[in-house]
PDB file of N, CA and C in Angstrom:
ATOM      1  N   MET A   1      59.544 -17.347 -53.533  1.00  0.00           N
ATOM      2  CA  MET A   1      58.552 -17.153 -54.577  1.00  0.00           C
ATOM      3  C   MET A   1      59.225 -16.515 -55.776  1.00  0.00           C
ATOM      4  N   THR A   2      58.757 -16.958 -56.876  1.00  0.00           N
ATOM      5  CA  THR A   2      59.325 -16.389 -58.090  1.00  0.00           C
ATOM      6  C   THR A   2      58.456 -15.240 -58.554  1.00  0.00           C
ATOM      7  N   LEU A   3      58.977 -14.512 -59.455  1.00  0.00           N
ATOM      8  CA  LEU A   3      58.267 -13.357 -60.009  1.00  0.00           C
ATOM      9  C   LEU A   3      56.977 -13.790 -60.711  1.00  0.00           C
ATOM     10  N   ALA A   4      56.960 -14.916 -61.321  1.00  0.00           N
ATOM     11  CA  ALA A   4      55.776 -15.429 -62.016  1.00  0.00           C
ATOM     12  C   ALA A   4      54.675 -15.767 -61.005  1.00  0.00           C
ATOM     13  N   ALA A   5      55.016 -16.294 -59.864  1.00  0.00           N
ATOM     14  CA  ALA A   5      54.024 -16.635 -58.847  1.00  0.00           C
ATOM     15  C   ALA A   5      53.400 -15.371 -58.266  1.00  0.00           C
ATOM     16  N   VAL A   6      54.226 -14.356 -58.027  1.00  0.00           N
ATOM     17  CA  VAL A   6      53.707 -13.076 -57.524  1.00  0.00           C
ATOM     18  C   VAL A   6      52.765 -12.461 -58.540  1.00  0.00           C
ATOM     19  N   ARG A   7      53.161 -12.551 -59.810  1.00  0.00           N
ATOM     20  CA  ARG A   7      52.309 -12.021 -60.874  1.00  0.00           C
ATOM     21  C   ARG A   7      50.981 -12.749 -60.919  1.00  0.00           C
ATOM     22  N   ASP A   8      50.989 -14.048 -60.829  1.00  0.00           N
ATOM     23  CA  ASP A   8      49.757 -14.843 -60.869  1.00  0.00           C
ATOM     24  C   ASP A   8      48.854 -14.524 -59.677  1.00  0.00           C
ATOM     25  N   ILE A   9      49.422 -14.389 -58.479  1.00  0.00           N
ATOM     26  CA  ILE A   9      48.641 -14.056 -57.285  1.00  0.00           C
ATOM     27  C   ILE A   9      48.045 -12.661 -57.429  1.00  0.00           C
ATOM     28  N   SER A  10      48.812 -11.720 -57.964  1.00  0.00           N
ATOM     29  CA  SER A  10      48.309 -10.346 -58.171  1.00  0.00           C
ATOM     30  C   SER A  10      47.144 -10.335 -59.146  1.00  0.00           C
ATOM     31  N   ILE A  11      47.236 -11.122 -60.191  1.00  0.00           N
ATOM     32  CA  ILE A  11      46.150 -11.196 -61.175  1.00  0.00           C
ATOM     33  C   ILE A  11      44.895 -11.776 -60.525  1.00  0.00           C
ATOM     34  N   ILE A  12      45.037 -12.796 -59.723  1.00  0.00           N
ATOM     35  CA  ILE A  12      43.889 -13.400 -59.044  1.00  0.00           C
ATOM     36  C   ILE A  12      43.251 -12.412 -58.080  1.00  0.00           C
ATOM     37  N   VAL A  13      44.063 -11.696 -57.307  1.00  0.00           N
ATOM     38  CA  VAL A  13      43.538 -10.702 -56.367  1.00  0.00           C
ATOM     39  C   VAL A  13      42.797  -9.600 -57.118  1.00  0.00           C
ATOM     40  N   LEU A  14      43.365  -9.113 -58.189  1.00  0.00           N
ATOM     41  CA  LEU A  14      42.697  -8.070 -58.978  1.00  0.00           C
ATOM     42  C   LEU A  14      41.403  -8.579 -59.603  1.00  0.00           C
ATOM     43  N   ALA A  15      41.371  -9.825 -60.023  1.00  0.00           N
ATOM     44  CA  ALA A  15      40.143 -10.391 -60.594  1.00  0.00           C
ATOM     45  C   ALA A  15      39.057 -10.484 -59.528  1.00  0.00           C
ATOM     46  N   ILE A  16      39.401 -10.951 -58.328  1.00  0.00           N
ATOM     47  CA  ILE A  16      38.416 -11.039 -57.235  1.00  0.00           C
ATOM     48  C   ILE A  16      37.939  -9.643 -56.857  1.00  0.00           C
ATOM     49  N   GLU A  17      38.868  -8.698 -56.819  1.00  0.00           N
ATOM     50  CA  GLU A  17      38.494  -7.312 -56.503  1.00  0.00           C
ATOM     51  C   GLU A  17      37.549  -6.747 -57.552  1.00  0.00           C
ATOM     52  N   SER A  18      37.787  -7.031 -58.798  1.00  0.00           N
ATOM     53  CA  SER A  18      36.902  -6.558 -59.871  1.00  0.00           C
ATOM     54  C   SER A  18      35.510  -7.171 -59.751  1.00  0.00           C
ATOM     55  N   ILE A  19      35.450  -8.443 -59.373  1.00  0.00           N
ATOM     56  CA  ILE A  19      34.147  -9.094 -59.203  1.00  0.00           C
ATOM     57  C   ILE A  19      33.391  -8.457 -58.043  1.00  0.00           C
ATOM     58  N   VAL A  20      34.085  -8.211 -56.927  1.00  0.00           N
ATOM     59  CA  VAL A  20      33.442  -7.593 -55.765  1.00  0.00           C
ATOM     60  C   VAL A  20      32.942  -6.194 -56.122  1.00  0.00           C
ATOM     61  N   ILE A  21      33.756  -5.414 -56.815  1.00  0.00           N
ATOM     62  CA  ILE A  21      33.341  -4.062 -57.228  1.00  0.00           C
ATOM     63  C   ILE A  21      32.140  -4.132 -58.162  1.00  0.00           C
ATOM     64  N   GLY A  22      32.118  -5.086 -59.072  1.00  0.00           N
ATOM     65  CA  GLY A  22      30.972  -5.256 -59.974  1.00  0.00           C
ATOM     66  C   GLY A  22      29.695  -5.580 -59.220  1.00  0.00           C
ATOM     67  N   VAL A  23      29.796  -6.483 -58.235  1.00  0.00           N
ATOM     68  CA  VAL A  23      28.616  -6.839 -57.433  1.00  0.00           C
ATOM     69  C   VAL A  23      28.127  -5.626 -56.642  1.00  0.00           C
ATOM     70  N   LEU A  24      29.048  -4.896 -56.025  1.00  0.00           N
ATOM     71  CA  LEU A  24      28.662  -3.709 -55.257  1.00  0.00           C
ATOM     72  C   LEU A  24      28.048  -2.635 -56.161  1.00  0.00           C
ATOM     73  N   LEU A  25      28.563  -2.490 -57.353  1.00  0.00           N
ATOM     74  CA  LEU A  25      27.984  -1.530 -58.301  1.00  0.00           C
ATOM     75  C   LEU A  25      26.572  -1.953 -58.691  1.00  0.00           C
ATOM     76  N   GLY A  26      26.361  -3.258 -58.876  1.00  0.00           N
ATOM     77  CA  GLY A  26      25.015  -3.764 -59.166  1.00  0.00           C
ATOM     78  C   GLY A  26      24.056  -3.478 -58.025  1.00  0.00           C
ATOM     79  N   LEU A  27      24.511  -3.699 -56.775  1.00  0.00           N
ATOM     80  CA  LEU A  27      23.671  -3.397 -55.615  1.00  0.00           C
ATOM     81  C   LEU A  27      23.355  -1.904 -55.528  1.00  0.00           C
ATOM     82  N   LEU A  28      24.329  -1.077 -55.842  1.00  0.00           N
ATOM     83  CA  LEU A  28      24.109   0.375 -55.820  1.00  0.00           C
ATOM     84  C   LEU A  28      23.059   0.778 -56.854  1.00  0.00           C
ATOM     85  N   LEU A  29      23.146   0.209 -58.039  1.00  0.00           N
ATOM     86  CA  LEU A  29      22.152   0.513 -59.073  1.00  0.00           C
ATOM     87  C   LEU A  29      20.761   0.026 -58.651  1.00  0.00           C
ATOM     88  N   TRP A  30      20.685  -1.130 -58.004  1.00  0.00           N
ATOM     89  CA  TRP A  30      19.400  -1.654 -57.520  1.00  0.00           C
ATOM     90  C   TRP A  30      18.800  -0.717 -56.469  1.00  0.00           C
ATOM     91  N   GLN A  31      19.617  -0.230 -55.545  1.00  0.00           N
ATOM     92  CA  GLN A  31      19.141   0.698 -54.518  1.00  0.00           C
ATOM     93  C   GLN A  31      18.695   2.023 -55.143  1.00  0.00           C
ATOM     94  N   LEU A  32      19.416   2.483 -56.150  1.00  0.00           N
ATOM     95  CA  LEU A  32      19.028   3.714 -56.841  1.00  0.00           C
ATOM     96  C   LEU A  32      17.680   3.541 -57.526  1.00  0.00           C
ATOM     97  N   ARG A  33      17.451   2.371 -58.107  1.00  0.00           N
ATOM     98  CA  ARG A  33      16.151   2.091 -58.731  1.00  0.00           C
ATOM     99  C   ARG A  33      15.047   2.065 -57.679  1.00  0.00           C
ATOM    100  N   SER A  34      15.333   1.472 -56.526  1.00  0.00           N
ATOM    101  CA  SER A  34      14.339   1.428 -55.446  1.00  0.00           C
ATOM    102  C   SER A  34      14.021   2.827 -54.935  1.00  0.00           C
ATOM    103  N   LEU A  35      15.044   3.666 -54.825  1.00  0.00           N
ATOM    104  CA  LEU A  35      14.834   5.044 -54.385  1.00  0.00           C
ATOM    105  C   LEU A  35      13.978   5.820 -55.379  1.00  0.00           C
ATOM    106  N   THR A  36      14.241   5.625 -56.654  1.00  0.00           N
ATOM    107  CA  THR A  36      13.444   6.297 -57.686  1.00  0.00           C
ATOM    108  C   THR A  36      11.988   5.861 -57.617  1.00  0.00           C
ATOM    109  N   THR A  37      11.759   4.582 -57.418  1.00  0.00           N
ATOM    110  CA  THR A  37      10.394   4.072 -57.296  1.00  0.00           C
ATOM    111  C   THR A  37       9.713   4.657 -56.066  1.00  0.00           C
ATOM    112  N   LEU A  38      10.438   4.717 -54.947  1.00  0.00           N
ATOM    113  CA  LEU A  38       9.885   5.289 -53.725  1.00  0.00           C
ATOM    114  C   LEU A  38       9.477   6.742 -53.946  1.00  0.00           C
ATOM    115  N   LEU A  39      10.333   7.507 -54.599  1.00  0.00           N
ATOM    116  CA  LEU A  39      10.018   8.909 -54.847  1.00  0.00           C
ATOM    117  C   LEU A  39       8.783   9.058 -55.722  1.00  0.00           C
ATOM    118  N   GLN A  40       8.664   8.227 -56.734  1.00  0.00           N
ATOM    119  CA  GLN A  40       7.529   8.340 -57.646  1.00  0.00           C
ATOM    120  C   GLN A  40       6.226   7.886 -56.999  1.00  0.00           C
ATOM    121  N   GLU A  41       6.270   6.847 -56.194  1.00  0.00           N
ATOM    122  CA  GLU A  41       5.037   6.263 -55.672  1.00  0.00           C
ATOM    123  C   GLU A  41       4.580   6.863 -54.350  1.00  0.00           C
ATOM    124  N   GLN A  42       5.491   7.362 -53.521  1.00  0.00           N
ATOM    125  CA  GLN A  42       5.095   7.822 -52.197  1.00  0.00           C
ATOM    126  C   GLN A  42       5.305   9.314 -51.987  1.00  0.00           C
ATOM    127  N   ILE A  43       6.426   9.829 -52.396  1.00  0.00           N
ATOM    128  CA  ILE A  43       6.736  11.236 -52.139  1.00  0.00           C
ATOM    129  C   ILE A  43       5.917  12.149 -53.052  1.00  0.00           C
ATOM    130  N   LYS A  44       5.785  11.801 -54.325  1.00  0.00           N
ATOM    131  CA  LYS A  44       5.042  12.650 -55.255  1.00  0.00           C
ATOM    132  C   LYS A  44       3.583  12.831 -54.837  1.00  0.00           C
ATOM    133  N   PRO A  45       2.848  11.779 -54.432  1.00  0.00           N
ATOM    134  CA  PRO A  45       1.476  12.009 -53.957  1.00  0.00           C
ATOM    135  C   PRO A  45       1.418  12.894 -52.705  1.00  0.00           C
ATOM    136  N   MET A  46       2.422  12.767 -51.824  1.00  0.00           N
ATOM    137  CA  MET A  46       2.434  13.630 -50.643  1.00  0.00           C
ATOM    138  C   MET A  46       2.635  15.085 -51.052  1.00  0.00           C
ATOM    139  N   LEU A  47       3.494  15.334 -52.015  1.00  0.00           N
ATOM    140  CA  LEU A  47       3.699  16.702 -52.486  1.00  0.00           C
ATOM    141  C   LEU A  47       2.441  17.244 -53.150  1.00  0.00           C
ATOM    142  N   ASP A  48       1.758  16.411 -53.921  1.00  0.00           N
ATOM    143  CA  ASP A  48       0.504  16.844 -54.538  1.00  0.00           C
ATOM    144  C   ASP A  48      -0.529  17.200 -53.471  1.00  0.00           C
ATOM    145  N   SER A  49      -0.611  16.384 -52.436  1.00  0.00           N
ATOM    146  CA  SER A  49      -1.542  16.643 -51.342  1.00  0.00           C
ATOM    147  C   SER A  49      -1.184  17.946 -50.628  1.00  0.00           C
ATOM    148  N   MET A  50       0.105  18.182 -50.430  1.00  0.00           N
ATOM    149  CA  MET A  50       0.525  19.429 -49.780  1.00  0.00           C
ATOM    150  C   MET A  50       0.160  20.642 -50.624  1.00  0.00           C
ATOM    151  N   GLN A  51       0.332  20.538 -51.931  1.00  0.00           N
ATOM    152  CA  GLN A  51      -0.033  21.658 -52.805  1.00  0.00           C
ATOM    153  C   GLN A  51      -1.532  21.921 -52.738  1.00  0.00           C
ATOM    154  N   GLU A  52      -2.321  20.882 -52.672  1.00  0.00           N
ATOM    155  CA  GLU A  52      -3.775  21.041 -52.552  1.00  0.00           C
ATOM    156  C   GLU A  52      -4.131  21.712 -51.223  1.00  0.00           C
ATOM    157  N   THR A  53      -3.458  21.298 -50.166  1.00  0.00           N
ATOM    158  CA  THR A  53      -3.698  21.896 -48.848  1.00  0.00           C
ATOM    159  C   THR A  53      -3.303  23.366 -48.845  1.00  0.00           C
ATOM    160  N   ILE A  54      -2.204  23.692 -49.474  1.00  0.00           N
ATOM    161  CA  ILE A  54      -1.764  25.086 -49.553  1.00  0.00           C
ATOM    162  C   ILE A  54      -2.796  25.924 -50.307  1.00  0.00           C
ATOM    163  N   GLY A  55      -3.365  25.375 -51.370  1.00  0.00           N
ATOM    164  CA  GLY A  55      -4.421  26.081 -52.098  1.00  0.00           C
ATOM    165  C   GLY A  55      -5.635  26.336 -51.224  1.00  0.00           C
ATOM    166  N   THR A  56      -6.004  25.348 -50.421  1.00  0.00           N
ATOM    167  CA  THR A  56      -7.135  25.507 -49.510  1.00  0.00           C
ATOM    168  C   THR A  56      -6.845  26.576 -48.465  1.00  0.00           C
ATOM    169  N   VAL A  57      -5.638  26.568 -47.921  1.00  0.00           N
ATOM    170  CA  VAL A  57      -5.258  27.567 -46.916  1.00  0.00           C
ATOM    171  C   VAL A  57      -5.277  28.962 -47.514  1.00  0.00           C
ATOM    172  N   LYS A  58      -4.791  29.106 -48.747  1.00  0.00           N
ATOM    173  CA  LYS A  58      -4.814  30.421 -49.401  1.00  0.00           C
ATOM    174  C   LYS A  58      -6.252  30.907 -49.577  1.00  0.00           C
ATOM    175  N   GLY A  59      -7.148  30.010 -50.004  1.00  0.00           N
ATOM    176  CA  GLY A  59      -8.547  30.387 -50.166  1.00  0.00           C
ATOM    177  C   GLY A  59      -9.188  30.785 -48.851  1.00  0.00           C
ATOM    178  N   THR A  60      -8.899  30.030 -47.804  1.00  0.00           N
ATOM    179  CA  THR A  60      -9.448  30.344 -46.487  1.00  0.00           C
ATOM    180  C   THR A  60      -8.920  31.677 -45.981  1.00  0.00           C
ATOM    181  N   THR A  61      -7.638  31.910 -46.184  1.00  0.00           N
ATOM    182  CA  THR A  61      -7.034  33.167 -45.745  1.00  0.00           C
ATOM    183  C   THR A  61      -7.649  34.366 -46.449  1.00  0.00           C
ATOM    184  N   SER A  62      -7.845  34.258 -47.752  1.00  0.00           N
ATOM    185  CA  SER A  62      -8.445  35.389 -48.470  1.00  0.00           C
ATOM    186  C   SER A  62      -9.905  35.591 -48.046  1.00  0.00           C
ATOM    187  N   LEU A  63     -10.625  34.509 -47.794  1.00  0.00           N
ATOM    188  CA  LEU A  63     -12.010  34.620 -47.342  1.00  0.00           C
ATOM    189  C   LEU A  63     -12.076  35.314 -45.984  1.00  0.00           C
ATOM    190  N   VAL A  64     -11.226  34.902 -45.046  1.00  0.00           N
ATOM    191  CA  VAL A  64     -11.209  35.518 -43.719  1.00  0.00           C
ATOM    192  C   VAL A  64     -10.813  36.983 -43.832  1.00  0.00           C
ATOM    193  N   SER A  65      -9.853  37.269 -44.689  1.00  0.00           N
ATOM    194  CA  SER A  65      -9.409  38.646 -44.869  1.00  0.00           C
ATOM    195  C   SER A  65     -10.542  39.520 -45.407  1.00  0.00           C
ATOM    196  N   GLU A  66     -11.281  39.009 -46.366  1.00  0.00           N
ATOM    197  CA  GLU A  66     -12.353  39.796 -46.978  1.00  0.00           C
ATOM    198  C   GLU A  66     -13.560  39.949 -46.059  1.00  0.00           C
ATOM    199  N   THR A  67     -13.898  38.913 -45.308  1.00  0.00           N
ATOM    200  CA  THR A  67     -15.140  38.954 -44.530  1.00  0.00           C
ATOM    201  C   THR A  67     -14.967  39.421 -43.088  1.00  0.00           C
ATOM    202  N   ILE A  68     -13.796  39.282 -42.521  1.00  0.00           N
ATOM    203  CA  ILE A  68     -13.620  39.639 -41.109  1.00  0.00           C
ATOM    204  C   ILE A  68     -12.621  40.767 -40.925  1.00  0.00           C
ATOM    205  N   VAL A  69     -11.449  40.627 -41.469  1.00  0.00           N
ATOM    206  CA  VAL A  69     -10.374  41.574 -41.186  1.00  0.00           C
ATOM    207  C   VAL A  69     -10.642  42.938 -41.810  1.00  0.00           C
ATOM    208  N   SER A  70     -10.978  42.968 -43.086  1.00  0.00           N
ATOM    209  CA  SER A  70     -11.216  44.257 -43.739  1.00  0.00           C
ATOM    210  C   SER A  70     -12.345  45.043 -43.082  1.00  0.00           C
ATOM    211  N   PRO A  71     -13.518  44.447 -42.825  1.00  0.00           N
ATOM    212  CA  PRO A  71     -14.562  45.202 -42.135  1.00  0.00           C
ATOM    213  C   PRO A  71     -14.136  45.640 -40.727  1.00  0.00           C
ATOM    214  N   ALA A  72     -13.399  44.809 -40.020  1.00  0.00           N
ATOM    215  CA  ALA A  72     -12.947  45.189 -38.675  1.00  0.00           C
ATOM    216  C   ALA A  72     -12.023  46.396 -38.739  1.00  0.00           C
ATOM    217  N   ILE A  73     -11.147  46.431 -39.725  1.00  0.00           N
ATOM    218  CA  ILE A  73     -10.250  47.576 -39.874  1.00  0.00           C
ATOM    219  C   ILE A  73     -11.044  48.828 -40.214  1.00  0.00           C
ATOM    220  N   LYS A  74     -12.033  48.697 -41.101  1.00  0.00           N
ATOM    221  CA  LYS A  74     -12.849  49.857 -41.460  1.00  0.00           C
ATOM    222  C   LYS A  74     -13.625  50.374 -40.252  1.00  0.00           C
ATOM    223  N   ILE A  75     -14.203  49.464 -39.488  1.00  0.00           N
ATOM    224  CA  ILE A  75     -14.964  49.871 -38.296  1.00  0.00           C
ATOM    225  C   ILE A  75     -14.037  50.519 -37.274  1.00  0.00           C
ATOM    226  N   SER A  76     -12.878  49.961 -37.074  1.00  0.00           N
ATOM    227  CA  SER A  76     -11.920  50.518 -36.126  1.00  0.00           C
ATOM    228  C   SER A  76     -11.482  51.913 -36.548  1.00  0.00           C
ATOM    229  N   GLY A  77     -11.209  52.081 -37.824  1.00  0.00           N
ATOM    230  CA  GLY A  77     -10.837  53.409 -38.323  1.00  0.00           C
ATOM    231  C   GLY A  77     -11.962  54.411 -38.171  1.00  0.00           C
ATOM    232  N   PHE A  78     -13.188  53.972 -38.469  1.00  0.00           N
ATOM    233  CA  PHE A  78     -14.333  54.867 -38.342  1.00  0.00           C
ATOM    234  C   PHE A  78     -14.549  55.283 -36.893  1.00  0.00           C
ATOM    235  N   THR A  79     -14.486  54.311 -35.968  1.00  0.00           N
ATOM    236  CA  THR A  79     -14.715  54.655 -34.555  1.00  0.00           C
ATOM    237  C   THR A  79     -13.595  55.543 -34.011  1.00  0.00           C
ATOM    238  N   SER A  80     -12.369  55.312 -34.439  1.00  0.00           N
ATOM    239  CA  SER A  80     -11.274  56.181 -33.995  1.00  0.00           C
ATOM    240  C   SER A  80     -11.480  57.606 -34.495  1.00  0.00           C
ATOM    241  N   GLY A  81     -11.883  57.729 -35.755  1.00  0.00           N
ATOM    242  CA  GLY A  81     -12.152  59.058 -36.302  1.00  0.00           C
ATOM    243  C   GLY A  81     -13.320  59.729 -35.621  1.00  0.00           C
ATOM    244  N   LEU A  82     -14.381  58.976 -35.364  1.00  0.00           N
ATOM    245  CA  LEU A  82     -15.554  59.516 -34.689  1.00  0.00           C
ATOM    246  C   LEU A  82     -15.210  59.953 -33.263  1.00  0.00           C
ATOM    247  N   ARG A  83     -14.435  59.137 -32.558  1.00  0.00           N
ATOM    248  CA  ARG A  83     -14.028  59.483 -31.201  1.00  0.00           C
ATOM    249  C   ARG A  83     -13.202  60.770 -31.194  1.00  0.00           C
ATOM    250  N   ARG A  84     -12.288  60.872 -32.122  1.00  0.00           N
ATOM    251  CA  ARG A  84     -11.449  62.082 -32.184  1.00  0.00           C
ATOM    252  C   ARG A  84     -12.296  63.300 -32.556  1.00  0.00           C
ATOM    253  N   ALA A  85     -13.231  63.120 -33.494  1.00  0.00           N
ATOM    254  CA  ALA A  85     -14.095  64.241 -33.876  1.00  0.00           C
ATOM    255  C   ALA A  85     -14.937  64.697 -32.689  1.00  0.00           C
ATOM    256  N   LEU A  86     -15.479  63.754 -31.912  1.00  0.00           N
ATOM    257  CA  LEU A  86     -16.262  64.114 -30.728  1.00  0.00           C
ATOM    258  C   LEU A  86     -15.397  64.803 -29.679  1.00  0.00           C
ATOM    259  N   GLN A  87     -14.151  64.369 -29.531  1.00  0.00           N
ATOM    260  CA  GLN A  87     -13.257  65.029 -28.585  1.00  0.00           C
ATOM    261  C   GLN A  87     -13.017  66.479 -28.991  1.00  0.00           C
ATOM    262  N   VAL A  88     -12.837  66.699 -30.265  1.00  0.00           N
ATOM    263  CA  VAL A  88     -12.585  68.068 -30.744  1.00  0.00           C
ATOM    264  C   VAL A  88     -13.840  68.915 -30.600  1.00  0.00           C
ATOM    265  N   LEU A  89     -15.008  68.360 -30.971  1.00  0.00           N
ATOM    266  CA  LEU A  89     -16.248  69.128 -30.919  1.00  0.00           C
ATOM    267  C   LEU A  89     -16.709  69.411 -29.491  1.00  0.00           C
ATOM    268  N   LEU A  90     -16.524  68.464 -28.585  1.00  0.00           N
ATOM    269  CA  LEU A  90     -17.010  68.630 -27.222  1.00  0.00           C
ATOM    270  C   LEU A  90     -16.041  69.380 -26.315  1.00  0.00           C
ATOM    271  N   LYS A  91     -14.891  69.648 -26.803  1.00  0.00           N
ATOM    272  CA  LYS A  91     -13.905  70.365 -26.007  1.00  0.00           C
ATOM    273  C   LYS A  91     -14.328  71.848 -25.994  1.00  0.00           C
ATOM    274  N   ALA A  92     -14.710  72.344 -24.833  1.00  0.00           N
ATOM    275  CA  ALA A  92     -15.231  73.716 -24.720  1.00  0.00           C
ATOM    276  C   ALA A  92     -14.123  74.737 -24.960  1.00  0.00           C
ATOM    277  N   LYS A  93     -13.084  74.635 -24.226  1.00  0.00           N
ATOM    278  CA  LYS A  93     -11.973  75.542 -24.444  1.00  0.00           C
ATOM    279  C   LYS A  93     -10.677  74.774 -24.195  1.00  0.00           C
ATOM    280  N   PRO A  94      -9.642  75.164 -24.854  1.00  0.00           N
ATOM    281  CA  PRO A  94      -8.376  74.440 -24.675  1.00  0.00           C
ATOM    282  C   PRO A  94      -7.833  74.640 -23.277  1.00  0.00           C
ATOM    283  N   SER A  95      -7.330  73.636 -22.692  1.00  0.00           N
ATOM    284  CA  SER A  95      -6.748  73.752 -21.347  1.00  0.00           C
ATOM    285  C   SER A  95      -5.338  74.266 -21.463  1.00  0.00           C
ATOM    286  N   HIS A  96      -4.995  75.202 -20.592  1.00  0.00           N
ATOM    287  CA  HIS A  96      -3.646  75.779 -20.615  1.00  0.00           C
ATOM    288  C   HIS A  96      -2.884  75.209 -19.433  1.00  0.00           C
ATOM    289  N   SER A  97      -2.053  74.294 -19.669  1.00  0.00           N
ATOM    290  CA  SER A  97      -1.297  73.674 -18.606  1.00  0.00           C
ATOM    291  C   SER A  97       0.030  74.375 -18.375  1.00  0.00           C
ATOM    292  N   GLU A  98       0.322  75.420 -19.143  1.00  0.00           N
ATOM    293  CA  GLU A  98       1.589  76.144 -19.010  1.00  0.00           C
ATOM    294  C   GLU A  98       1.515  77.196 -17.916  1.00  0.00           C
ATOM    295  N   GLU A  99       0.364  77.567 -17.406  1.00  0.00           N
ATOM    296  CA  GLU A  99       0.221  78.610 -16.391  1.00  0.00           C
ATOM    297  C   GLU A  99       0.697  78.189 -15.057  1.00  0.00           C
TER     298      GLU A  99
END
């Protein structure tokens, strides 16, 4: 083979390689466009729905806290204080366990 033939074969190989790379780059851009469309059409509505659900959960949590938990804590504190006050008042004399 002469140097000119090697050069011609190298040019042909590089041209075919460039065409293959161009086609693959086109496919990559097409897939990127499809991914962008998927994100806009399917993922974004799911995120919006999740944010709405989180808002509902926050509202429910604050409602439960205000109507059930806070009164229960107040009642528990009151009964503990009342029980301790009755223990102190009804205790006739202190017991001496050191004797």
